[in-house]
C-alpha cells in the first residue's frame, strides 16, 4: 500500500514519525523494509534523518539495505551525517 502523492508506505510513516511499536508490527506483518517512495527514500532514509537509533537497528536487523541511494544519490549514512545523528553514523559504519 502506497499513498498516491509520494508513494510512501505505512512503514515510511511510522519510521518518519519515530513509532517503534508500529514499525515492529508492520515488519512482522511483512512490510517491505526497502520500499522506495517517489524520491527513492526508504524507511531507513527517514529514520536516519529523524535520529531514532532503535528504529535504525530494527530495520537493519530485518535486512534493510543500507546502500540504497535516494533521488539525490544519498545513502542512509549520508542522511545521518547531514543531520548530525552521530550515534546512527557510528552504528552504520560498524
Protein backbone atom coordinates (compact mmCIF):
# COMPACT_ATOMS: atom_id res chain seq x y z
CA UNK A 1 0.00 0.00 0.00
CA UNK A 2 1.43 3.37 -1.04
CA UNK A 3 -0.09 6.83 -0.88
CA UNK A 4 -0.81 8.34 -4.27
CA UNK A 5 1.08 11.60 -3.81
CA UNK A 6 4.51 10.50 -2.56
CA UNK A 7 4.27 6.71 -2.81
CA UNK A 8 5.03 6.38 0.91
CA UNK A 9 4.11 3.11 2.58
CA UNK A 10 2.75 2.86 6.12
CA UNK A 11 6.30 1.84 7.16
CA UNK A 12 7.68 5.10 5.75
CA UNK A 13 5.25 6.98 8.00
CA UNK A 14 5.96 5.00 11.17
CA UNK A 15 9.70 5.47 10.65
CA UNK A 16 9.32 9.16 9.82
CA UNK A 17 7.30 9.68 13.00
CA UNK A 18 9.50 7.51 15.22
CA UNK A 19 6.85 4.98 16.19
CA UNK A 20 8.80 1.88 17.18
CA UNK A 21 5.81 -0.27 18.13
CA UNK A 22 4.02 0.24 14.82
CA UNK A 23 7.28 -0.16 12.90
CA UNK A 24 7.86 -3.56 14.52
CA UNK A 25 4.25 -4.56 13.90
CA UNK A 26 4.37 -3.66 10.20
CA UNK A 27 7.65 -5.52 9.73
CA UNK A 28 6.19 -8.59 11.47
CA UNK A 29 3.25 -8.40 9.05
CA UNK A 30 5.60 -8.40 6.05
CA UNK A 31 6.17 -4.72 5.24
CA UNK A 32 8.93 -4.15 2.70
CA UNK A 33 11.81 -2.56 4.65
CA UNK A 34 13.39 -1.42 1.37
CA UNK A 35 10.31 0.14 -0.24
CA UNK A 36 11.18 3.37 -2.04
CA UNK A 37 8.89 6.36 -2.42
CA UNK A 38 8.75 8.83 -5.31
CA UNK A 39 12.02 10.43 -4.11
CA UNK A 40 13.62 6.97 -3.77
CA UNK A 41 13.72 7.28 0.04
CA UNK A 42 13.41 4.09 2.05
CA UNK A 43 12.11 3.88 5.62
CA UNK A 44 15.79 3.76 6.67
CA UNK A 45 16.46 7.11 4.97
CA UNK A 46 13.66 8.70 7.02
CA UNK A 47 14.86 7.12 10.24
CA UNK A 48 18.45 8.26 9.67
CA UNK A 49 17.13 11.78 9.18
CA UNK A 50 14.97 11.76 12.29
CA UNK A 51 17.59 10.16 14.51
CA UNK A 52 15.83 7.17 16.06
CA UNK A 53 18.68 4.69 16.58
CA UNK A 54 16.34 1.96 17.84
CA UNK A 55 14.31 2.00 14.64
CA UNK A 56 17.53 2.06 12.60
CA UNK A 57 18.65 -1.08 14.42
CA UNK A 58 15.25 -2.72 13.95
CA UNK A 59 15.26 -2.05 10.20
CA UNK A 60 18.80 -3.33 9.74
CA UNK A 61 18.12 -6.41 11.88
CA UNK A 62 15.27 -7.07 9.45
CA UNK A 63 17.58 -6.87 6.44
CA UNK A 64 17.13 -3.25 5.35
CA UNK A 65 19.69 -2.44 2.67
CA UNK A 66 21.98 0.36 3.91
CA UNK A 67 23.33 1.01 0.41
CA UNK A 68 20.15 2.10 -1.39
CA UNK A 69 20.50 5.61 -2.81
CA UNK A 70 17.75 8.21 -2.87
CA UNK A 71 16.98 10.52 -5.80
CA UNK A 72 19.93 12.75 -4.84
CA UNK A 73 22.30 9.75 -4.59
CA UNK A 74 22.36 9.78 -0.78
CA UNK A 75 22.68 6.54 1.15
CA UNK A 76 21.19 6.40 4.66
CA UNK A 77 24.70 7.10 6.03
CA UNK A 78 24.82 10.39 4.10
CA UNK A 79 21.44 11.37 5.54
CA UNK A 80 22.58 10.58 9.09
CA UNK A 81 25.73 12.67 8.58
CA UNK A 82 23.82 15.63 7.11
CA UNK A 83 21.51 15.62 10.14
CA UNK A 84 24.28 15.27 12.74
CA UNK A 85 22.98 11.93 14.02
CA UNK A 86 26.32 10.77 15.37
CA UNK A 87 25.08 7.62 17.09
CA UNK A 88 23.48 6.43 13.85
CA UNK A 89 26.61 7.23 11.85
CA UNK A 90 28.70 5.17 14.26
CA UNK A 91 26.23 2.28 14.09
CA UNK A 92 26.13 2.28 10.29
CA UNK A 93 29.91 2.22 9.88
CA UNK A 94 30.47 -0.61 12.37
